[in-house]
Amino acid sequence: PDPAIIGWIRSEDIEAADIHLRMTI
């Protein structure tokens, strides 16, 4: 998701199974 097009995104970073993840809405 591109905030320049959408206006904003909300994100949270987590880690699971030794993988760094970002959740976006």
mmCIF file of all heavy atoms, coordinates in Angstrom:
data_MODEL
# 
_entry.id   MODEL 
# 
loop_
_atom_site.group_PDB 
_atom_site.id 
_atom_site.type_symbol 
_atom_site.label_atom_id 
_atom_site.label_alt_id 
_atom_site.label_comp_id 
_atom_site.label_asym_id 
_atom_site.label_entity_id 
_atom_site.label_seq_id 
_atom_site.pdbx_PDB_ins_code 
_atom_site.Cartn_x 
_atom_site.Cartn_y 
_atom_site.Cartn_z 
_atom_site.occupancy 
_atom_site.B_iso_or_equiv 
_atom_site.pdbx_formal_charge 
_atom_site.auth_seq_id 
_atom_site.auth_comp_id 
_atom_site.auth_asym_id 
_atom_site.auth_atom_id 
_atom_site.pdbx_PDB_model_num 
ATOM 1   N N   . PRO A 1 1  ? 0.826  -1.214  0.000  1.00 0.00 ? 1  PRO A N   1 
ATOM 2   C CA  . PRO A 1 1  ? 0.000  0.000   0.000  1.00 0.00 ? 1  PRO A CA  1 
ATOM 3   C C   . PRO A 1 1  ? 0.859  1.264   0.000  1.00 0.00 ? 1  PRO A C   1 
ATOM 4   O O   . PRO A 1 1  ? 1.768  1.407   0.820  1.00 0.00 ? 1  PRO A O   1 
ATOM 5   C CB  . PRO A 1 1  ? -0.820 -0.105  1.281  1.00 0.00 ? 1  PRO A CB  1 
ATOM 6   C CG  . PRO A 1 1  ? -0.320 -1.278  2.030  1.00 0.00 ? 1  PRO A CG  1 
ATOM 7   C CD  . PRO A 1 1  ? 0.642  -2.024  1.180  1.00 0.00 ? 1  PRO A CD  1 
ATOM 8   N N   . ASP A 1 2  ? 0.574  2.166   -0.918 1.00 0.00 ? 2  ASP A N   1 
ATOM 9   C CA  . ASP A 1 2  ? 1.356  3.394   -1.066 1.00 0.00 ? 2  ASP A CA  1 
ATOM 10  C C   . ASP A 1 2  ? 0.622  4.559   -0.412 1.00 0.00 ? 2  ASP A C   1 
ATOM 11  O O   . ASP A 1 2  ? -0.420 4.995   -0.906 1.00 0.00 ? 2  ASP A O   1 
ATOM 12  C CB  . ASP A 1 2  ? 1.578  3.676   -2.550 1.00 0.00 ? 2  ASP A CB  1 
ATOM 13  C CG  . ASP A 1 2  ? 2.476  4.866   -2.808 1.00 0.00 ? 2  ASP A CG  1 
ATOM 14  O OD1 . ASP A 1 2  ? 2.806  5.604   -1.843 1.00 0.00 ? 2  ASP A OD1 1 
ATOM 15  O OD2 . ASP A 1 2  ? 2.846  5.069   -3.968 1.00 0.00 ? 2  ASP A OD2 1 
ATOM 16  N N   . PRO A 1 3  ? 1.161  5.073   0.712  1.00 0.00 ? 3  PRO A N   1 
ATOM 17  C CA  . PRO A 1 3  ? 0.471  6.175   1.389  1.00 0.00 ? 3  PRO A CA  1 
ATOM 18  C C   . PRO A 1 3  ? 0.360  7.434   0.522  1.00 0.00 ? 3  PRO A C   1 
ATOM 19  O O   . PRO A 1 3  ? -0.530 8.250   0.739  1.00 0.00 ? 3  PRO A O   1 
ATOM 20  C CB  . PRO A 1 3  ? 1.306  6.445   2.634  1.00 0.00 ? 3  PRO A CB  1 
ATOM 21  C CG  . PRO A 1 3  ? 2.509  5.599   2.549  1.00 0.00 ? 3  PRO A CG  1 
ATOM 22  C CD  . PRO A 1 3  ? 2.356  4.654   1.404  1.00 0.00 ? 3  PRO A CD  1 
ATOM 23  N N   . ALA A 1 4  ? 1.211  7.594   -0.463 1.00 0.00 ? 4  ALA A N   1 
ATOM 24  C CA  . ALA A 1 4  ? 1.126  8.754   -1.352 1.00 0.00 ? 4  ALA A CA  1 
ATOM 25  C C   . ALA A 1 4  ? -0.150 8.694   -2.196 1.00 0.00 ? 4  ALA A C   1 
ATOM 26  O O   . ALA A 1 4  ? -0.690 9.722   -2.588 1.00 0.00 ? 4  ALA A O   1 
ATOM 27  C CB  . ALA A 1 4  ? 2.349  8.827   -2.252 1.00 0.00 ? 4  ALA A CB  1 
ATOM 28  N N   . ILE A 1 5  ? -0.645 7.496   -2.461 1.00 0.00 ? 5  ILE A N   1 
ATOM 29  C CA  . ILE A 1 5  ? -1.858 7.316   -3.257 1.00 0.00 ? 5  ILE A CA  1 
ATOM 30  C C   . ILE A 1 5  ? -3.080 7.188   -2.349 1.00 0.00 ? 5  ILE A C   1 
ATOM 31  O O   . ILE A 1 5  ? -4.103 7.815   -2.566 1.00 0.00 ? 5  ILE A O   1 
ATOM 32  C CB  . ILE A 1 5  ? -1.732 6.070   -4.161 1.00 0.00 ? 5  ILE A CB  1 
ATOM 33  C CG1 . ILE A 1 5  ? -0.626 6.291   -5.189 1.00 0.00 ? 5  ILE A CG1 1 
ATOM 34  C CG2 . ILE A 1 5  ? -3.057 5.752   -4.842 1.00 0.00 ? 5  ILE A CG2 1 
ATOM 35  C CD1 . ILE A 1 5  ? -0.251 5.056   -5.971 1.00 0.00 ? 5  ILE A CD1 1 
ATOM 36  N N   . ILE A 1 6  ? -2.955 6.375   -1.298 1.00 0.00 ? 6  ILE A N   1 
ATOM 37  C CA  . ILE A 1 6  ? -4.068 6.063   -0.412 1.00 0.00 ? 6  ILE A CA  1 
ATOM 38  C C   . ILE A 1 6  ? -4.327 7.184   0.588  1.00 0.00 ? 6  ILE A C   1 
ATOM 39  O O   . ILE A 1 6  ? -5.443 7.423   0.995  1.00 0.00 ? 6  ILE A O   1 
ATOM 40  C CB  . ILE A 1 6  ? -3.795 4.735   0.326  1.00 0.00 ? 6  ILE A CB  1 
ATOM 41  C CG1 . ILE A 1 6  ? -3.704 3.600   -0.685 1.00 0.00 ? 6  ILE A CG1 1 
ATOM 42  C CG2 . ILE A 1 6  ? -4.868 4.439   1.350  1.00 0.00 ? 6  ILE A CG2 1 
ATOM 43  C CD1 . ILE A 1 6  ? -3.196 2.312   -0.113 1.00 0.00 ? 6  ILE A CD1 1 
ATOM 44  N N   . GLY A 1 7  ? -3.287 7.861   1.010  1.00 0.00 ? 7  GLY A N   1 
ATOM 45  C CA  . GLY A 1 7  ? -3.406 8.917   2.007  1.00 0.00 ? 7  GLY A CA  1 
ATOM 46  C C   . GLY A 1 7  ? -2.743 8.531   3.308  1.00 0.00 ? 7  GLY A C   1 
ATOM 47  O O   . GLY A 1 7  ? -2.072 9.335   3.930  1.00 0.00 ? 7  GLY A O   1 
ATOM 48  N N   . TRP A 1 8  ? -2.946 7.283   3.750  1.00 0.00 ? 8  TRP A N   1 
ATOM 49  C CA  . TRP A 1 8  ? -2.279 6.792   4.965  1.00 0.00 ? 8  TRP A CA  1 
ATOM 50  C C   . TRP A 1 8  ? -2.397 5.273   5.009  1.00 0.00 ? 8  TRP A C   1 
ATOM 51  O O   . TRP A 1 8  ? -3.275 4.684   4.383  1.00 0.00 ? 8  TRP A O   1 
ATOM 52  C CB  . TRP A 1 8  ? -2.869 7.404   6.235  1.00 0.00 ? 8  TRP A CB  1 
ATOM 53  C CG  . TRP A 1 8  ? -4.318 7.079   6.468  1.00 0.00 ? 8  TRP A CG  1 
ATOM 54  C CD1 . TRP A 1 8  ? -5.390 7.815   6.052  1.00 0.00 ? 8  TRP A CD1 1 
ATOM 55  C CD2 . TRP A 1 8  ? -4.854 5.936   7.138  1.00 0.00 ? 8  TRP A CD2 1 
ATOM 56  N NE1 . TRP A 1 8  ? -6.553 7.198   6.423  1.00 0.00 ? 8  TRP A NE1 1 
ATOM 57  C CE2 . TRP A 1 8  ? -6.260 6.044   7.098  1.00 0.00 ? 8  TRP A CE2 1 
ATOM 58  C CE3 . TRP A 1 8  ? -4.291 4.835   7.773  1.00 0.00 ? 8  TRP A CE3 1 
ATOM 59  C CZ2 . TRP A 1 8  ? -7.109 5.092   7.665  1.00 0.00 ? 8  TRP A CZ2 1 
ATOM 60  C CZ3 . TRP A 1 8  ? -5.141 3.883   8.338  1.00 0.00 ? 8  TRP A CZ3 1 
ATOM 61  C CH2 . TRP A 1 8  ? -6.521 4.021   8.285  1.00 0.00 ? 8  TRP A CH2 1 
ATOM 62  N N   . ILE A 1 9  ? -1.486 4.666   5.727  1.00 0.00 ? 9  ILE A N   1 
ATOM 63  C CA  . ILE A 1 9  ? -1.611 3.260   6.100  1.00 0.00 ? 9  ILE A CA  1 
ATOM 64  C C   . ILE A 1 9  ? -1.241 3.167   7.571  1.00 0.00 ? 9  ILE A C   1 
ATOM 65  O O   . ILE A 1 9  ? -0.501 3.992   8.084  1.00 0.00 ? 9  ILE A O   1 
ATOM 66  C CB  . ILE A 1 9  ? -0.718 2.294   5.277  1.00 0.00 ? 9  ILE A CB  1 
ATOM 67  C CG1 . ILE A 1 9  ? 0.763  2.574   5.513  1.00 0.00 ? 9  ILE A CG1 1 
ATOM 68  C CG2 . ILE A 1 9  ? -1.063 2.346   3.819  1.00 0.00 ? 9  ILE A CG2 1 
ATOM 69  C CD1 . ILE A 1 9  ? 1.677  1.509   4.923  1.00 0.00 ? 9  ILE A CD1 1 
ATOM 70  N N   . ARG A 1 10 ? -1.801 2.178   8.239  1.00 0.00 ? 10 ARG A N   1 
ATOM 71  C CA  . ARG A 1 10 ? -1.412 1.919   9.615  1.00 0.00 ? 10 ARG A CA  1 
ATOM 72  C C   . ARG A 1 10 ? -0.643 0.606   9.595  1.00 0.00 ? 10 ARG A C   1 
ATOM 73  O O   . ARG A 1 10 ? -1.025 -0.331  8.901  1.00 0.00 ? 10 ARG A O   1 
ATOM 74  C CB  . ARG A 1 10 ? -2.644 1.816   10.509 1.00 0.00 ? 10 ARG A CB  1 
ATOM 75  C CG  . ARG A 1 10 ? -2.318 1.813   11.980 1.00 0.00 ? 10 ARG A CG  1 
ATOM 76  C CD  . ARG A 1 10 ? -3.534 2.148   12.825 1.00 0.00 ? 10 ARG A CD  1 
ATOM 77  N NE  . ARG A 1 10 ? -4.633 1.235   12.644 1.00 0.00 ? 10 ARG A NE  1 
ATOM 78  C CZ  . ARG A 1 10 ? -4.850 0.155   13.401 1.00 0.00 ? 10 ARG A CZ  1 
ATOM 79  N NH1 . ARG A 1 10 ? -4.039 -0.136  14.385 1.00 0.00 ? 10 ARG A NH1 1 
ATOM 80  N NH2 . ARG A 1 10 ? -5.888 -0.611  13.168 1.00 0.00 ? 10 ARG A NH2 1 
ATOM 81  N N   . SER A 1 11 ? 0.459  0.561   10.331 1.00 0.00 ? 11 SER A N   1 
ATOM 82  C CA  . SER A 1 11 ? 1.269  -0.654  10.321 1.00 0.00 ? 11 SER A CA  1 
ATOM 83  C C   . SER A 1 11 ? 1.764  -0.980  11.718 1.00 0.00 ? 11 SER A C   1 
ATOM 84  O O   . SER A 1 11 ? 1.846  -0.118  12.585 1.00 0.00 ? 11 SER A O   1 
ATOM 85  C CB  . SER A 1 11 ? 2.451  -0.513  9.361  1.00 0.00 ? 11 SER A CB  1 
ATOM 86  O OG  . SER A 1 11 ? 3.346  0.467   9.812  1.00 0.00 ? 11 SER A OG  1 
ATOM 87  N N   . GLU A 1 12 ? 2.086  -2.247  11.898 1.00 0.00 ? 12 GLU A N   1 
ATOM 88  C CA  . GLU A 1 12 ? 2.697  -2.732  13.130 1.00 0.00 ? 12 GLU A CA  1 
ATOM 89  C C   . GLU A 1 12 ? 3.662  -3.837  12.744 1.00 0.00 ? 12 GLU A C   1 
ATOM 90  O O   . GLU A 1 12 ? 3.331  -4.705  11.936 1.00 0.00 ? 12 GLU A O   1 
ATOM 91  C CB  . GLU A 1 12 ? 1.637  -3.267  14.092 1.00 0.00 ? 12 GLU A CB  1 
ATOM 92  C CG  . GLU A 1 12 ? 2.218  -3.785  15.388 1.00 0.00 ? 12 GLU A CG  1 
ATOM 93  C CD  . GLU A 1 12 ? 1.151  -4.228  16.371 1.00 0.00 ? 12 GLU A CD  1 
ATOM 94  O OE1 . GLU A 1 12 ? 0.001  -3.780  16.271 1.00 0.00 ? 12 GLU A OE1 1 
ATOM 95  O OE2 . GLU A 1 12 ? 1.489  -5.045  17.240 1.00 0.00 ? 12 GLU A OE2 1 
ATOM 96  N N   . ASP A 1 13 ? 4.859  -3.787  13.305 1.00 0.00 ? 13 ASP A N   1 
ATOM 97  C CA  . ASP A 1 13 ? 5.874  -4.794  13.020 1.00 0.00 ? 13 ASP A CA  1 
ATOM 98  C C   . ASP A 1 13 ? 5.877  -5.834  14.131 1.00 0.00 ? 13 ASP A C   1 
ATOM 99  O O   . ASP A 1 13 ? 5.788  -5.491  15.315 1.00 0.00 ? 13 ASP A O   1 
ATOM 100 C CB  . ASP A 1 13 ? 7.248  -4.156  12.910 1.00 0.00 ? 13 ASP A CB  1 
ATOM 101 C CG  . ASP A 1 13 ? 7.341  -3.186  11.739 1.00 0.00 ? 13 ASP A CG  1 
ATOM 102 O OD1 . ASP A 1 13 ? 6.436  -3.142  10.905 1.00 0.00 ? 13 ASP A OD1 1 
ATOM 103 O OD2 . ASP A 1 13 ? 8.346  -2.472  11.680 1.00 0.00 ? 13 ASP A OD2 1 
ATOM 104 N N   . ILE A 1 14 ? 5.959  -7.107  13.734 1.00 0.00 ? 14 ILE A N   1 
ATOM 105 C CA  . ILE A 1 14 ? 6.038  -8.213  14.678 1.00 0.00 ? 14 ILE A CA  1 
ATOM 106 C C   . ILE A 1 14 ? 7.101  -9.185  14.197 1.00 0.00 ? 14 ILE A C   1 
ATOM 107 O O   . ILE A 1 14 ? 7.599  -9.076  13.073 1.00 0.00 ? 14 ILE A O   1 
ATOM 108 C CB  . ILE A 1 14 ? 4.676  -8.934  14.852 1.00 0.00 ? 14 ILE A CB  1 
ATOM 109 C CG1 . ILE A 1 14 ? 4.210  -9.565  13.532 1.00 0.00 ? 14 ILE A CG1 1 
ATOM 110 C CG2 . ILE A 1 14 ? 3.625  -7.995  15.414 1.00 0.00 ? 14 ILE A CG2 1 
ATOM 111 C CD1 . ILE A 1 14 ? 2.959  -10.413 13.657 1.00 0.00 ? 14 ILE A CD1 1 
ATOM 112 N N   . GLU A 1 15 ? 7.421  -10.145 15.028 1.00 0.00 ? 15 GLU A N   1 
ATOM 113 C CA  . GLU A 1 15 ? 8.354  -11.197 14.638 1.00 0.00 ? 15 GLU A CA  1 
ATOM 114 C C   . GLU A 1 15 ? 7.732  -12.532 14.993 1.00 0.00 ? 15 GLU A C   1 
ATOM 115 O O   . GLU A 1 15 ? 7.188  -12.706 16.078 1.00 0.00 ? 15 GLU A O   1 
ATOM 116 C CB  . GLU A 1 15 ? 9.684  -11.030 15.351 1.00 0.00 ? 15 GLU A CB  1 
ATOM 117 C CG  . GLU A 1 15 ? 10.730 -12.025 14.879 1.00 0.00 ? 15 GLU A CG  1 
ATOM 118 C CD  . GLU A 1 15 ? 12.096 -11.765 15.480 1.00 0.00 ? 15 GLU A CD  1 
ATOM 119 O OE1 . GLU A 1 15 ? 12.408 -10.605 15.785 1.00 0.00 ? 15 GLU A OE1 1 
ATOM 120 O OE2 . GLU A 1 15 ? 12.832 -12.747 15.644 1.00 0.00 ? 15 GLU A OE2 1 
ATOM 121 N N   . ALA A 1 16 ? 7.793  -13.473 14.053 1.00 0.00 ? 16 ALA A N   1 
ATOM 122 C CA  . ALA A 1 16 ? 7.286  -14.826 14.276 1.00 0.00 ? 16 ALA A CA  1 
ATOM 123 C C   . ALA A 1 16 ? 8.095  -15.780 13.410 1.00 0.00 ? 16 ALA A C   1 
ATOM 124 O O   . ALA A 1 16 ? 8.428  -15.457 12.272 1.00 0.00 ? 16 ALA A O   1 
ATOM 125 C CB  . ALA A 1 16 ? 5.806  -14.910 13.916 1.00 0.00 ? 16 ALA A CB  1 
ATOM 126 N N   . ALA A 1 17 ? 8.412  -16.943 13.954 1.00 0.00 ? 17 ALA A N   1 
ATOM 127 C CA  . ALA A 1 17 ? 9.188  -17.961 13.232 1.00 0.00 ? 17 ALA A CA  1 
ATOM 128 C C   . ALA A 1 17 ? 10.479 -17.375 12.669 1.00 0.00 ? 17 ALA A C   1 
ATOM 129 O O   . ALA A 1 17 ? 10.884 -17.699 11.560 1.00 0.00 ? 17 ALA A O   1 
ATOM 130 C CB  . ALA A 1 17 ? 8.354  -18.609 12.136 1.00 0.00 ? 17 ALA A CB  1 
ATOM 131 N N   . ASP A 1 18 ? 11.107 -16.494 13.436 1.00 0.00 ? 18 ASP A N   1 
ATOM 132 C CA  . ASP A 1 18 ? 12.360 -15.834 13.031 1.00 0.00 ? 18 ASP A CA  1 
ATOM 133 C C   . ASP A 1 18 ? 12.224 -15.012 11.746 1.00 0.00 ? 18 ASP A C   1 
ATOM 134 O O   . ASP A 1 18 ? 13.198 -14.795 11.035 1.00 0.00 ? 18 ASP A O   1 
ATOM 135 C CB  . ASP A 1 18 ? 13.498 -16.846 12.881 1.00 0.00 ? 18 ASP A CB  1 
ATOM 136 C CG  . ASP A 1 18 ? 13.857 -17.487 14.214 1.00 0.00 ? 18 ASP A CG  1 
ATOM 137 O OD1 . ASP A 1 18 ? 13.775 -16.781 15.246 1.00 0.00 ? 18 ASP A OD1 1 
ATOM 138 O OD2 . ASP A 1 18 ? 14.213 -18.673 14.215 1.00 0.00 ? 18 ASP A OD2 1 
ATOM 139 N N   . ILE A 1 19 ? 11.004 -14.583 11.449 1.00 0.00 ? 19 ILE A N   1 
ATOM 140 C CA  . ILE A 1 19 ? 10.756 -13.718 10.295 1.00 0.00 ? 19 ILE A CA  1 
ATOM 141 C C   . ILE A 1 19 ? 10.207 -12.395 10.831 1.00 0.00 ? 19 ILE A C   1 
ATOM 142 O O   . ILE A 1 19 ? 9.285  -12.384 11.635 1.00 0.00 ? 19 ILE A O   1 
ATOM 143 C CB  . ILE A 1 19 ? 9.739  -14.341 9.316  1.00 0.00 ? 19 ILE A CB  1 
ATOM 144 C CG1 . ILE A 1 19 ? 10.273 -15.667 8.766  1.00 0.00 ? 19 ILE A CG1 1 
ATOM 145 C CG2 . ILE A 1 19 ? 9.424  -13.380 8.174  1.00 0.00 ? 19 ILE A CG2 1 
ATOM 146 C CD1 . ILE A 1 19 ? 9.283  -16.413 7.897  1.00 0.00 ? 19 ILE A CD1 1 
ATOM 147 N N   . HIS A 1 20 ? 10.773 -11.303 10.373 1.00 0.00 ? 20 HIS A N   1 
ATOM 148 C CA  . HIS A 1 20 ? 10.267 -9.979  10.732 1.00 0.00 ? 20 HIS A CA  1 
ATOM 149 C C   . HIS A 1 20 ? 9.118  -9.657  9.795  1.00 0.00 ? 20 HIS A C   1 
ATOM 150 O O   . HIS A 1 20 ? 9.284  -9.696  8.568  1.00 0.00 ? 20 HIS A O   1 
ATOM 151 C CB  . HIS A 1 20 ? 11.367 -8.920  10.622 1.00 0.00 ? 20 HIS A CB  1 
ATOM 152 C CG  . HIS A 1 20 ? 12.494 -9.174  11.555 1.00 0.00 ? 20 HIS A CG  1 
ATOM 153 N ND1 . HIS A 1 20 ? 12.416 -8.937  12.907 1.00 0.00 ? 20 HIS A ND1 1 
ATOM 154 C CD2 . HIS A 1 20 ? 13.720 -9.680  11.335 1.00 0.00 ? 20 HIS A CD2 1 
ATOM 155 C CE1 . HIS A 1 20 ? 13.550 -9.270  13.477 1.00 0.00 ? 20 HIS A CE1 1 
ATOM 156 N NE2 . HIS A 1 20 ? 14.364 -9.728  12.543 1.00 0.00 ? 20 HIS A NE2 1 
ATOM 157 N N   . LEU A 1 21 ? 7.963  -9.352  10.374 1.00 0.00 ? 21 LEU A N   1 
ATOM 158 C CA  . LEU A 1 21 ? 6.749  -9.111  9.603  1.00 0.00 ? 21 LEU A CA  1 
ATOM 159 C C   . LEU A 1 21 ? 6.216  -7.710  9.854  1.00 0.00 ? 21 LEU A C   1 
ATOM 160 O O   . LEU A 1 21 ? 6.411  -7.152  10.927 1.00 0.00 ? 21 LEU A O   1 
ATOM 161 C CB  . LEU A 1 21 ? 5.641  -10.087 10.017 1.00 0.00 ? 21 LEU A CB  1 
ATOM 162 C CG  . LEU A 1 21 ? 5.954  -11.568 10.010 1.00 0.00 ? 21 LEU A CG  1 
ATOM 163 C CD1 . LEU A 1 21 ? 4.811  -12.329 10.636 1.00 0.00 ? 21 LEU A CD1 1 
ATOM 164 C CD2 . LEU A 1 21 ? 6.182  -12.029 8.598  1.00 0.00 ? 21 LEU A CD2 1 
ATOM 165 N N   . ARG A 1 22 ? 5.524  -7.184  8.870  1.00 0.00 ? 22 ARG A N   1 
ATOM 166 C CA  . ARG A 1 22 ? 4.769  -5.942  9.044  1.00 0.00 ? 22 ARG A CA  1 
ATOM 167 C C   . ARG A 1 22 ? 3.321  -6.232  8.691  1.00 0.00 ? 22 ARG A C   1 
ATOM 168 O O   . ARG A 1 22 ? 3.037  -6.783  7.635  1.00 0.00 ? 22 ARG A O   1 
ATOM 169 C CB  . ARG A 1 22 ? 5.313  -4.833  8.163  1.00 0.00 ? 22 ARG A CB  1 
ATOM 170 C CG  . ARG A 1 22 ? 4.462  -3.555  8.243  1.00 0.00 ? 22 ARG A CG  1 
ATOM 171 C CD  . ARG A 1 22 ? 5.139  -2.362  7.648  1.00 0.00 ? 22 ARG A CD  1 
ATOM 172 N NE  . ARG A 1 22 ? 6.294  -2.025  8.489  1.00 0.00 ? 22 ARG A NE  1 
ATOM 173 C CZ  . ARG A 1 22 ? 7.350  -1.346  8.042  1.00 0.00 ? 22 ARG A CZ  1 
ATOM 174 N NH1 . ARG A 1 22 ? 7.400  -0.939  6.804  1.00 0.00 ? 22 ARG A NH1 1 
ATOM 175 N NH2 . ARG A 1 22 ? 8.355  -1.080  8.856  1.00 0.00 ? 22 ARG A NH2 1 
ATOM 176 N N   . MET A 1 23 ? 2.433  -5.845  9.598  1.00 0.00 ? 23 MET A N   1 
ATOM 177 C CA  . MET A 1 23 ? 1.004  -5.913  9.331  1.00 0.00 ? 23 MET A CA  1 
ATOM 178 C C   . MET A 1 23 ? 0.578  -4.525  8.850  1.00 0.00 ? 23 MET A C   1 
ATOM 179 O O   . MET A 1 23 ? 0.986  -3.522  9.439  1.00 0.00 ? 23 MET A O   1 
ATOM 180 C CB  . MET A 1 23 ? 0.230  -6.267  10.602 1.00 0.00 ? 23 MET A CB  1 
ATOM 181 C CG  . MET A 1 23 ? 0.598  -7.618  11.181 1.00 0.00 ? 23 MET A CG  1 
ATOM 182 S SD  . MET A 1 23 ? -0.390 -8.084  12.631 1.00 0.00 ? 23 MET A SD  1 
ATOM 183 C CE  . MET A 1 23 ? 0.207  -6.923  13.859 1.00 0.00 ? 23 MET A CE  1 
ATOM 184 N N   . THR A 1 24 ? -0.223 -4.471  7.784  1.00 0.00 ? 24 THR A N   1 
ATOM 185 C CA  . THR A 1 24 ? -0.705 -3.178  7.285  1.00 0.00 ? 24 THR A CA  1 
ATOM 186 C C   . THR A 1 24 ? -2.217 -3.197  7.117  1.00 0.00 ? 24 THR A C   1 
ATOM 187 O O   . THR A 1 24 ? -2.809 -4.239  6.818  1.00 0.00 ? 24 THR A O   1 
ATOM 188 C CB  . THR A 1 24 ? -0.065 -2.793  5.932  1.00 0.00 ? 24 THR A CB  1 
ATOM 189 O OG1 . THR A 1 24 ? -0.416 -3.763  4.939  1.00 0.00 ? 24 THR A OG1 1 
ATOM 190 C CG2 . THR A 1 24 ? 1.433  -2.658  6.035  1.00 0.00 ? 24 THR A CG2 1 
ATOM 191 N N   . ILE A 1 25 ? -2.794 -2.017  7.330  1.00 0.00 ? 25 ILE A N   1 
ATOM 192 C CA  . ILE A 1 25 ? -4.213 -1.780  7.096  1.00 0.00 ? 25 ILE A CA  1 
ATOM 193 C C   . ILE A 1 25 ? -4.319 -0.447  6.362  1.00 0.00 ? 25 ILE A C   1 
ATOM 194 O O   . ILE A 1 25 ? -3.626 0.507   6.699  1.00 0.00 ? 25 ILE A O   1 
ATOM 195 C CB  . ILE A 1 25 ? -5.003 -1.652  8.412  1.00 0.00 ? 25 ILE A CB  1 
ATOM 196 C CG1 . ILE A 1 25 ? -4.881 -2.913  9.249  1.00 0.00 ? 25 ILE A CG1 1 
ATOM 197 C CG2 . ILE A 1 25 ? -6.473 -1.349  8.139  1.00 0.00 ? 25 ILE A CG2 1 
ATOM 198 C CD1 . ILE A 1 25 ? -5.477 -2.757  10.628 1.00 0.00 ? 25 ILE A CD1 1 
# 
